[in-house]
Amino acid sequence: MEKKSRKKKATSIGSVIRGMIFVVALCVFCYSAFQLYQIFSNYKKSIDEYNDIKEQVQHTVGEEEEEQEFPSEIYINGVSLSELLGKRYEFDFDKLLKINSEVVGWISIKDTTIDYPMVQTTDNEKYLRQTLTGEFNNAGTIFVDTNVINPFEDRNTVIHGHNQRSKQMFHDLIYYDDISFYQEHPVVVIYTPTETMVYEVFSAYSHRSELTPYKLGFANDSQYESWLQEIKAKSVIDTGVEVGAKDKIITLSTCTNDWEDERFVVHARRVY
């Protein structure tokens, strides 16, 4: 009888333990599911917001407006700029500036997810977790580095954006480590309230704990030329594009999600 009692008691304790394990596992599952829901909900909110903004401010230029076409004498990889880019877009910057007065332009890479407004402010932390409308969201906003004095007029304009797992923001930059991706997407287009600029990619690479890609001040042409050759030599793809002291460039930067301090950068020189 005593053995049966001990066995029954052990069985009862075992049932309690199994029940507790089940409850804990259920709580962990529910918490994880809630976290995933929040993540994907935030993804959707930011996607919806930027799509809505795009619908409000972006439109294509009609073919009859010949003066708006890109010059046909500029060739990238043997293809005219006009043919390479197809239709040109225009943006209602009056509306954009009403949405956010810190807007400085719009960045686009054809046939990628990179098609967003850009801002610049006095604090590089501000737009890491804030959308264009001021909503808290991990997608953030594409922004020009606060240390750039004259965006797109200075020798190097640095632009930051997140690498979202939802493939938003600057995620597609990481594909520039493949020469075939570069060949299909050799140019970056920047729209501002006053002009449209086209940049040709010449270098792409990842780096850790290094400020070289973000250098802004240059004492003279020689120093700038030397720096350009340095960042070109770092490239993991050979674009064959030459750069020199007269070139103005943009530096696009995003995280790789491999290491906390690792970034992937793409450099492009202005051709139009």
C-alpha atoms as a PDB file:
ATOM      1  CA  MET A   1       0.000   0.000   0.000  1.00  0.00           C
ATOM      2  CA  GLU A   2       2.830   2.365   0.867  1.00  0.00           C
ATOM      3  CA  LYS A   3       4.524   1.723  -2.491  1.00  0.00           C
ATOM      4  CA  LYS A   4       1.270   2.386  -4.320  1.00  0.00           C
ATOM      5  CA  SER A   5       0.828   5.602  -2.356  1.00  0.00           C
ATOM      6  CA  ARG A   6       4.338   6.771  -3.207  1.00  0.00           C
ATOM      7  CA  LYS A   7       3.807   5.839  -6.866  1.00  0.00           C
ATOM      8  CA  LYS A   8       0.509   7.697  -6.970  1.00  0.00           C
ATOM      9  CA  LYS A   9       2.127  10.725  -5.347  1.00  0.00           C
ATOM     10  CA  ALA A  10       5.027  10.658  -7.831  1.00  0.00           C
ATOM     11  CA  THR A  11       2.579  10.386 -10.711  1.00  0.00           C
ATOM     12  CA  SER A  12       0.665  13.359  -9.335  1.00  0.00           C
ATOM     13  CA  ILE A  13       3.861  15.456  -9.035  1.00  0.00           C
ATOM     14  CA  GLY A  14       4.866  14.436 -12.543  1.00  0.00           C
ATOM     15  CA  SER A  15       1.507  15.565 -13.874  1.00  0.00           C
ATOM     16  CA  VAL A  16       1.891  18.915 -12.132  1.00  0.00           C
ATOM     17  CA  ILE A  17       5.390  19.397 -13.567  1.00  0.00           C
ATOM     18  CA  ARG A  18       4.219  18.482 -17.057  1.00  0.00           C
ATOM     19  CA  GLY A  19       1.330  20.872 -16.657  1.00  0.00           C
ATOM     20  CA  MET A  20       3.666  23.656 -15.575  1.00  0.00           C
ATOM     21  CA  ILE A  21       5.999  22.974 -18.513  1.00  0.00           C
ATOM     22  CA  PHE A  22       3.013  23.105 -20.873  1.00  0.00           C
ATOM     23  CA  VAL A  23       1.841  26.423 -19.396  1.00  0.00           C
ATOM     24  CA  VAL A  24       5.347  27.924 -19.652  1.00  0.00           C
ATOM     25  CA  ALA A  25       5.709  26.694 -23.240  1.00  0.00           C
ATOM     26  CA  LEU A  26       2.291  28.110 -24.098  1.00  0.00           C
ATOM     27  CA  CYS A  27       3.247  31.479 -22.585  1.00  0.00           C
ATOM     28  CA  VAL A  28       6.526  31.530 -24.532  1.00  0.00           C
ATOM     29  CA  PHE A  29       4.652  30.645 -27.734  1.00  0.00           C
ATOM     30  CA  CYS A  30       2.033  33.362 -27.163  1.00  0.00           C
ATOM     31  CA  TYR A  31       4.718  35.945 -26.367  1.00  0.00           C
ATOM     32  CA  SER A  32       6.719  35.015 -29.471  1.00  0.00           C
ATOM     33  CA  ALA A  33       3.583  35.120 -31.610  1.00  0.00           C
ATOM     34  CA  PHE A  34       2.737  38.558 -30.209  1.00  0.00           C
ATOM     35  CA  GLN A  35       6.265  39.801 -30.920  1.00  0.00           C
ATOM     36  CA  LEU A  36       6.074  38.520 -34.502  1.00  0.00           C
ATOM     37  CA  TYR A  37       2.683  40.160 -34.898  1.00  0.00           C
ATOM     38  CA  GLN A  38       4.118  43.484 -33.744  1.00  0.00           C
ATOM     39  CA  ILE A  39       7.107  43.195 -36.082  1.00  0.00           C
ATOM     40  CA  PHE A  40       5.016  42.406 -39.159  1.00  0.00           C
ATOM     41  CA  SER A  41       2.394  44.951 -38.141  1.00  0.00           C
ATOM     42  CA  ASN A  42       5.123  47.625 -38.033  1.00  0.00           C
ATOM     43  CA  TYR A  43       6.411  46.470 -41.417  1.00  0.00           C
ATOM     44  CA  LYS A  44       2.942  46.823 -42.906  1.00  0.00           C
ATOM     45  CA  LYS A  45       2.350  50.231 -41.323  1.00  0.00           C
ATOM     46  CA  SER A  46       5.557  51.662 -42.761  1.00  0.00           C
ATOM     47  CA  ILE A  47       4.946  50.089 -46.185  1.00  0.00           C
ATOM     48  CA  ASP A  48       1.416  51.500 -46.252  1.00  0.00           C
ATOM     49  CA  GLU A  49       2.602  54.944 -45.150  1.00  0.00           C
ATOM     50  CA  TYR A  50       5.305  55.259 -47.797  1.00  0.00           C
ATOM     51  CA  ASN A  51       3.052  53.840 -50.514  1.00  0.00           C
ATOM     52  CA  ASP A  52       0.408  56.389 -49.585  1.00  0.00           C
ATOM     53  CA  ILE A  53       2.944  59.221 -49.699  1.00  0.00           C
ATOM     54  CA  LYS A  54       4.185  58.015 -53.077  1.00  0.00           C
ATOM     55  CA  GLU A  55       0.665  58.023 -54.494  1.00  0.00           C
ATOM     56  CA  GLN A  56       0.195  61.598 -53.325  1.00  0.00           C
ATOM     57  CA  VAL A  57       3.410  63.112 -54.645  1.00  0.00           C
ATOM     58  CA  GLN A  58       4.856  60.958 -57.458  1.00  0.00           C
ATOM     59  CA  HIS A  59       3.784  60.999 -61.093  1.00  0.00           C
ATOM     60  CA  THR A  60       5.374  60.184 -64.428  1.00  0.00           C
ATOM     61  CA  VAL A  61       6.284  62.806 -66.989  1.00  0.00           C
ATOM     62  CA  GLY A  62       4.443  62.447 -70.289  1.00  0.00           C
ATOM     63  CA  GLU A  63       6.370  61.383 -73.383  1.00  0.00           C
ATOM     64  CA  GLU A  64       5.342  64.572 -75.149  1.00  0.00           C
ATOM     65  CA  GLU A  65       7.378  66.632 -72.666  1.00  0.00           C
ATOM     66  CA  GLU A  66      10.607  66.118 -74.580  1.00  0.00           C
ATOM     67  CA  GLU A  67      12.498  68.686 -72.554  1.00  0.00           C
ATOM     68  CA  GLN A  68      12.130  66.429 -69.531  1.00  0.00           C
ATOM     69  CA  GLU A  69      13.907  63.461 -71.105  1.00  0.00           C
ATOM     70  CA  PHE A  70      17.410  62.454 -70.083  1.00  0.00           C
ATOM     71  CA  PRO A  71      20.139  63.325 -72.603  1.00  0.00           C
ATOM     72  CA  SER A  72      20.647  60.476 -75.077  1.00  0.00           C
ATOM     73  CA  GLU A  73      24.398  61.115 -75.429  1.00  0.00           C
ATOM     74  CA  ILE A  74      25.110  59.761 -71.928  1.00  0.00           C
ATOM     75  CA  TYR A  75      25.792  56.006 -71.917  1.00  0.00           C
ATOM     76  CA  ILE A  76      26.088  53.608 -68.975  1.00  0.00           C
ATOM     77  CA  ASN A  77      27.406  50.134 -69.775  1.00  0.00           C
ATOM     78  CA  GLY A  78      26.733  50.819 -73.446  1.00  0.00           C
ATOM     79  CA  VAL A  79      23.091  51.844 -72.908  1.00  0.00           C
ATOM     80  CA  SER A  80      21.856  55.427 -73.233  1.00  0.00           C
ATOM     81  CA  LEU A  81      20.680  56.999 -70.009  1.00  0.00           C
ATOM     82  CA  SER A  82      17.279  57.754 -71.498  1.00  0.00           C
ATOM     83  CA  GLU A  83      16.782  54.118 -72.520  1.00  0.00           C
ATOM     84  CA  LEU A  84      18.216  52.777 -69.271  1.00  0.00           C
ATOM     85  CA  LEU A  85      15.902  54.738 -67.003  1.00  0.00           C
ATOM     86  CA  GLY A  86      12.764  54.789 -69.115  1.00  0.00           C
ATOM     87  CA  LYS A  87      10.084  57.169 -67.908  1.00  0.00           C
ATOM     88  CA  ARG A  88      11.099  60.028 -65.706  1.00  0.00           C
ATOM     89  CA  TYR A  89       9.251  60.861 -62.507  1.00  0.00           C
ATOM     90  CA  GLU A  90       8.418  64.178 -60.938  1.00  0.00           C
ATOM     91  CA  PHE A  91       7.466  64.885 -57.352  1.00  0.00           C
ATOM     92  CA  ASP A  92       5.226  67.422 -55.682  1.00  0.00           C
ATOM     93  CA  PHE A  93       7.741  68.737 -53.181  1.00  0.00           C
ATOM     94  CA  ASP A  94       5.253  71.293 -51.892  1.00  0.00           C
ATOM     95  CA  LYS A  95       3.147  68.401 -50.594  1.00  0.00           C
ATOM     96  CA  LEU A  96       6.200  66.561 -49.321  1.00  0.00           C
ATOM     97  CA  LEU A  97       7.416  69.579 -47.391  1.00  0.00           C
ATOM     98  CA  LYS A  98       3.974  69.975 -45.826  1.00  0.00           C
ATOM     99  CA  ILE A  99       4.206  66.377 -44.642  1.00  0.00           C
ATOM    100  CA  ASN A 100       7.720  66.973 -43.297  1.00  0.00           C
ATOM    101  CA  SER A 101       9.657  70.232 -43.581  1.00  0.00           C
ATOM    102  CA  GLU A 102      12.996  68.360 -43.339  1.00  0.00           C
ATOM    103  CA  VAL A 103      12.583  66.631 -46.716  1.00  0.00           C
ATOM    104  CA  VAL A 104      15.593  67.267 -48.990  1.00  0.00           C
ATOM    105  CA  GLY A 105      14.863  64.919 -51.870  1.00  0.00           C
ATOM    106  CA  TRP A 106      13.731  61.538 -53.172  1.00  0.00           C
ATOM    107  CA  ILE A 107      15.979  58.575 -53.980  1.00  0.00           C
ATOM    108  CA  SER A 108      15.148  55.854 -56.488  1.00  0.00           C
ATOM    109  CA  ILE A 109      16.871  52.811 -58.001  1.00  0.00           C
ATOM    110  CA  LYS A 110      14.847  51.358 -60.859  1.00  0.00           C
ATOM    111  CA  ASP A 111      13.376  47.863 -60.359  1.00  0.00           C
ATOM    112  CA  THR A 112      14.294  47.711 -56.667  1.00  0.00           C
ATOM    113  CA  THR A 113      12.431  48.523 -53.464  1.00  0.00           C
ATOM    114  CA  ILE A 114      14.538  51.678 -53.045  1.00  0.00           C
ATOM    115  CA  ASP A 115      12.098  54.473 -53.845  1.00  0.00           C
ATOM    116  CA  TYR A 116      11.770  56.823 -50.883  1.00  0.00           C
ATOM    117  CA  PRO A 117      11.789  60.417 -49.693  1.00  0.00           C
ATOM    118  CA  MET A 118      14.923  61.613 -47.872  1.00  0.00           C
ATOM    119  CA  VAL A 119      15.304  63.992 -44.965  1.00  0.00           C
ATOM    120  CA  GLN A 120      18.145  65.774 -43.201  1.00  0.00           C
ATOM    121  CA  THR A 121      18.147  67.069 -39.652  1.00  0.00           C
ATOM    122  CA  THR A 122      20.601  68.065 -36.923  1.00  0.00           C
ATOM    123  CA  ASP A 123      20.592  64.656 -35.200  1.00  0.00           C
ATOM    124  CA  ASN A 124      21.420  61.395 -36.995  1.00  0.00           C
ATOM    125  CA  GLU A 125      19.480  59.455 -34.329  1.00  0.00           C
ATOM    126  CA  LYS A 126      16.131  61.137 -34.993  1.00  0.00           C
ATOM    127  CA  TYR A 127      14.985  59.168 -38.041  1.00  0.00           C
ATOM    128  CA  LEU A 128      16.361  55.769 -37.046  1.00  0.00           C
ATOM    129  CA  ARG A 129      12.958  54.842 -35.581  1.00  0.00           C
ATOM    130  CA  GLN A 130      10.689  57.509 -37.019  1.00  0.00           C
ATOM    131  CA  THR A 131       8.825  57.586 -40.324  1.00  0.00           C
ATOM    132  CA  LEU A 132       8.346  60.643 -42.485  1.00  0.00           C
ATOM    133  CA  THR A 133       5.085  61.522 -40.706  1.00  0.00           C
ATOM    134  CA  GLY A 134       6.682  61.267 -37.268  1.00  0.00           C
ATOM    135  CA  GLU A 135       5.280  57.836 -36.370  1.00  0.00           C
ATOM    136  CA  PHE A 136       7.457  55.503 -34.293  1.00  0.00           C
ATOM    137  CA  ASN A 137       8.522  52.614 -36.516  1.00  0.00           C
ATOM    138  CA  ASN A 138      11.690  50.539 -36.807  1.00  0.00           C
ATOM    139  CA  ALA A 139      11.754  51.129 -40.567  1.00  0.00           C
ATOM    140  CA  GLY A 140      12.692  54.746 -39.915  1.00  0.00           C
ATOM    141  CA  THR A 141      13.334  57.161 -42.787  1.00  0.00           C
ATOM    142  CA  ILE A 142      16.125  57.489 -45.342  1.00  0.00           C
ATOM    143  CA  PHE A 143      18.269  60.425 -44.221  1.00  0.00           C
ATOM    144  CA  VAL A 144      21.259  62.463 -45.345  1.00  0.00           C
ATOM    145  CA  ASP A 145      24.019  62.561 -42.737  1.00  0.00           C
ATOM    146  CA  THR A 146      23.726  65.641 -40.565  1.00  0.00           C
ATOM    147  CA  ASN A 147      27.414  66.467 -41.140  1.00  0.00           C
ATOM    148  CA  VAL A 148      26.892  66.995 -44.874  1.00  0.00           C
ATOM    149  CA  ILE A 149      26.816  70.781 -45.275  1.00  0.00           C
ATOM    150  CA  ASN A 150      25.487  71.063 -48.832  1.00  0.00           C
ATOM    151  CA  PRO A 151      23.697  67.851 -49.856  1.00  0.00           C
ATOM    152  CA  PHE A 152      24.483  66.780 -53.443  1.00  0.00           C
ATOM    153  CA  GLU A 153      26.749  69.790 -53.929  1.00  0.00           C
ATOM    154  CA  ASP A 154      29.518  68.663 -51.576  1.00  0.00           C
ATOM    155  CA  ARG A 155      32.062  66.170 -52.846  1.00  0.00           C
ATOM    156  CA  ASN A 156      30.580  63.334 -50.785  1.00  0.00           C
ATOM    157  CA  THR A 157      26.928  63.184 -49.729  1.00  0.00           C
ATOM    158  CA  VAL A 158      26.374  60.359 -47.241  1.00  0.00           C
ATOM    159  CA  ILE A 159      22.881  58.827 -47.078  1.00  0.00           C
ATOM    160  CA  HIS A 160      21.767  56.301 -44.433  1.00  0.00           C
ATOM    161  CA  GLY A 161      18.921  53.785 -44.428  1.00  0.00           C
ATOM    162  CA  HIS A 162      17.951  50.605 -42.594  1.00  0.00           C
ATOM    163  CA  ASN A 163      18.277  47.098 -44.005  1.00  0.00           C
ATOM    164  CA  GLN A 164      14.810  45.801 -43.131  1.00  0.00           C
ATOM    165  CA  ARG A 165      14.048  42.082 -43.183  1.00  0.00           C
ATOM    166  CA  SER A 166      10.836  43.052 -44.952  1.00  0.00           C
ATOM    167  CA  LYS A 167      13.136  44.195 -47.796  1.00  0.00           C
ATOM    168  CA  GLN A 168      12.198  47.822 -47.191  1.00  0.00           C
ATOM    169  CA  MET A 169      14.352  50.913 -47.124  1.00  0.00           C
ATOM    170  CA  PHE A 170      18.014  50.258 -48.130  1.00  0.00           C
ATOM    171  CA  HIS A 171      17.782  46.453 -47.998  1.00  0.00           C
ATOM    172  CA  ASP A 172      18.482  46.010 -51.729  1.00  0.00           C
ATOM    173  CA  LEU A 173      21.883  47.718 -51.438  1.00  0.00           C
ATOM    174  CA  ILE A 174      23.375  44.466 -50.156  1.00  0.00           C
ATOM    175  CA  TYR A 175      22.786  42.864 -53.578  1.00  0.00           C
ATOM    176  CA  TYR A 176      25.458  45.095 -55.090  1.00  0.00           C
ATOM    177  CA  ASP A 177      28.018  42.521 -53.988  1.00  0.00           C
ATOM    178  CA  ASP A 178      26.966  40.657 -57.148  1.00  0.00           C
ATOM    179  CA  ILE A 179      28.238  42.037 -60.467  1.00  0.00           C
ATOM    180  CA  SER A 180      25.085  40.892 -62.284  1.00  0.00           C
ATOM    181  CA  PHE A 181      22.921  42.967 -59.931  1.00  0.00           C
ATOM    182  CA  TYR A 182      25.121  45.994 -60.582  1.00  0.00           C
ATOM    183  CA  GLN A 183      24.858  45.474 -64.341  1.00  0.00           C
ATOM    184  CA  GLU A 184      21.060  45.496 -64.077  1.00  0.00           C
ATOM    185  CA  HIS A 185      20.986  48.447 -61.641  1.00  0.00           C
ATOM    186  CA  PRO A 186      23.996  50.662 -62.466  1.00  0.00           C
ATOM    187  CA  VAL A 187      22.441  54.021 -61.607  1.00  0.00           C
ATOM    188  CA  VAL A 188      20.813  55.856 -58.710  1.00  0.00           C
ATOM    189  CA  VAL A 189      18.430  58.749 -59.321  1.00  0.00           C
ATOM    190  CA  ILE A 190      18.075  61.639 -56.872  1.00  0.00           C
ATOM    191  CA  TYR A 191      15.185  64.084 -57.196  1.00  0.00           C
ATOM    192  CA  THR A 192      15.210  67.431 -55.384  1.00  0.00           C
ATOM    193  CA  PRO A 193      12.860  70.422 -55.563  1.00  0.00           C
ATOM    194  CA  THR A 194      15.129  72.025 -58.180  1.00  0.00           C
ATOM    195  CA  GLU A 195      16.651  69.210 -60.255  1.00  0.00           C
ATOM    196  CA  THR A 196      17.005  65.541 -61.110  1.00  0.00           C
ATOM    197  CA  MET A 197      20.437  63.955 -60.693  1.00  0.00           C
ATOM    198  CA  VAL A 198      21.736  60.610 -61.928  1.00  0.00           C
ATOM    199  CA  TYR A 199      24.630  58.755 -60.293  1.00  0.00           C
ATOM    200  CA  GLU A 200      26.635  55.813 -61.656  1.00  0.00           C
ATOM    201  CA  VAL A 201      27.664  53.139 -59.127  1.00  0.00           C
ATOM    202  CA  PHE A 202      31.435  52.574 -59.038  1.00  0.00           C
ATOM    203  CA  SER A 203      32.129  50.773 -55.751  1.00  0.00           C
ATOM    204  CA  ALA A 204      30.356  48.470 -53.271  1.00  0.00           C
ATOM    205  CA  TYR A 205      31.682  46.696 -50.173  1.00  0.00           C
ATOM    206  CA  SER A 206      31.079  45.910 -46.510  1.00  0.00           C
ATOM    207  CA  HIS A 207      33.184  47.272 -43.661  1.00  0.00           C
ATOM    208  CA  ARG A 208      33.356  47.268 -39.872  1.00  0.00           C
ATOM    209  CA  SER A 209      34.386  49.993 -37.416  1.00  0.00           C
ATOM    210  CA  GLU A 210      35.795  52.225 -40.113  1.00  0.00           C
ATOM    211  CA  LEU A 211      35.073  55.869 -40.931  1.00  0.00           C
ATOM    212  CA  THR A 212      36.764  55.931 -44.342  1.00  0.00           C
ATOM    213  CA  PRO A 213      33.558  55.614 -46.440  1.00  0.00           C
ATOM    214  CA  TYR A 214      32.019  58.596 -44.657  1.00  0.00           C
ATOM    215  CA  LYS A 215      34.857  61.081 -45.065  1.00  0.00           C
ATOM    216  CA  LEU A 216      33.514  64.545 -45.909  1.00  0.00           C
ATOM    217  CA  GLY A 217      36.315  67.084 -45.664  1.00  0.00           C
ATOM    218  CA  PHE A 218      39.216  67.177 -48.127  1.00  0.00           C
ATOM    219  CA  ALA A 219      42.138  69.587 -48.016  1.00  0.00           C
ATOM    220  CA  ASN A 220      42.669  69.585 -51.777  1.00  0.00           C
ATOM    221  CA  ASP A 221      42.021  67.748 -55.053  1.00  0.00           C
ATOM    222  CA  SER A 222      44.944  65.412 -54.488  1.00  0.00           C
ATOM    223  CA  GLN A 223      43.622  64.232 -51.130  1.00  0.00           C
ATOM    224  CA  TYR A 224      40.149  63.741 -52.588  1.00  0.00           C
ATOM    225  CA  GLU A 225      41.521  61.833 -55.580  1.00  0.00           C
ATOM    226  CA  SER A 226      43.517  59.568 -53.272  1.00  0.00           C
ATOM    227  CA  TRP A 227      40.432  58.839 -51.159  1.00  0.00           C
ATOM    228  CA  LEU A 228      38.352  58.036 -54.256  1.00  0.00           C
ATOM    229  CA  GLN A 229      40.931  55.497 -55.385  1.00  0.00           C
ATOM    230  CA  GLU A 230      40.993  54.007 -51.896  1.00  0.00           C
ATOM    231  CA  ILE A 231      37.246  53.411 -51.760  1.00  0.00           C
ATOM    232  CA  LYS A 232      37.210  52.147 -55.328  1.00  0.00           C
ATOM    233  CA  ALA A 233      39.915  49.599 -54.497  1.00  0.00           C
ATOM    234  CA  LYS A 234      37.743  48.254 -51.652  1.00  0.00           C
ATOM    235  CA  SER A 235      34.952  47.304 -54.037  1.00  0.00           C
ATOM    236  CA  VAL A 236      33.939  43.650 -54.209  1.00  0.00           C
ATOM    237  CA  ILE A 237      32.778  44.166 -57.805  1.00  0.00           C
ATOM    238  CA  ASP A 238      34.723  45.578 -60.725  1.00  0.00           C
ATOM    239  CA  THR A 239      32.486  48.166 -62.360  1.00  0.00           C
ATOM    240  CA  GLY A 240      35.189  49.585 -64.624  1.00  0.00           C
ATOM    241  CA  VAL A 241      33.970  53.091 -63.749  1.00  0.00           C
ATOM    242  CA  GLU A 242      36.688  55.721 -63.379  1.00  0.00           C
ATOM    243  CA  VAL A 243      36.421  58.503 -60.801  1.00  0.00           C
ATOM    244  CA  GLY A 244      38.429  61.683 -60.349  1.00  0.00           C
ATOM    245  CA  ALA A 245      38.730  64.898 -58.385  1.00  0.00           C
ATOM    246  CA  LYS A 246      36.025  66.628 -60.439  1.00  0.00           C
ATOM    247  CA  ASP A 247      33.392  64.036 -59.545  1.00  0.00           C
ATOM    248  CA  LYS A 248      30.707  64.551 -56.916  1.00  0.00           C
ATOM    249  CA  ILE A 249      29.562  61.324 -55.304  1.00  0.00           C
ATOM    250  CA  ILE A 250      26.927  59.855 -53.023  1.00  0.00           C
ATOM    251  CA  THR A 251      27.638  57.194 -50.406  1.00  0.00           C
ATOM    252  CA  LEU A 252      24.669  54.943 -49.576  1.00  0.00           C
ATOM    253  CA  SER A 253      25.044  53.068 -46.292  1.00  0.00           C
ATOM    254  CA  THR A 254      23.053  50.317 -44.592  1.00  0.00           C
ATOM    255  CA  CYS A 255      23.663  47.589 -42.004  1.00  0.00           C
ATOM    256  CA  THR A 256      24.365  44.008 -43.098  1.00  0.00           C
ATOM    257  CA  ASN A 257      22.618  42.336 -40.116  1.00  0.00           C
ATOM    258  CA  ASP A 258      25.670  40.060 -39.815  1.00  0.00           C
ATOM    259  CA  TRP A 259      27.569  42.125 -37.251  1.00  0.00           C
ATOM    260  CA  GLU A 260      26.288  45.008 -35.153  1.00  0.00           C
ATOM    261  CA  ASP A 261      28.966  47.384 -36.406  1.00  0.00           C
ATOM    262  CA  GLU A 262      29.122  46.123 -39.996  1.00  0.00           C
ATOM    263  CA  ARG A 263      27.806  48.283 -42.833  1.00  0.00           C
ATOM    264  CA  PHE A 264      27.430  47.790 -46.560  1.00  0.00           C
ATOM    265  CA  VAL A 265      28.148  50.874 -48.626  1.00  0.00           C
ATOM    266  CA  VAL A 266      27.602  51.762 -52.259  1.00  0.00           C
ATOM    267  CA  HIS A 267      29.414  54.706 -53.857  1.00  0.00           C
ATOM    268  CA  ALA A 268      28.154  56.373 -57.039  1.00  0.00           C
ATOM    269  CA  ARG A 269      29.427  59.342 -59.055  1.00  0.00           C
ATOM    270  CA  ARG A 270      27.204  61.983 -60.613  1.00  0.00           C
ATOM    271  CA  VAL A 271      26.887  61.723 -64.388  1.00  0.00           C
ATOM    272  CA  TYR A 272      23.891  64.048 -64.920  1.00  0.00           C
END
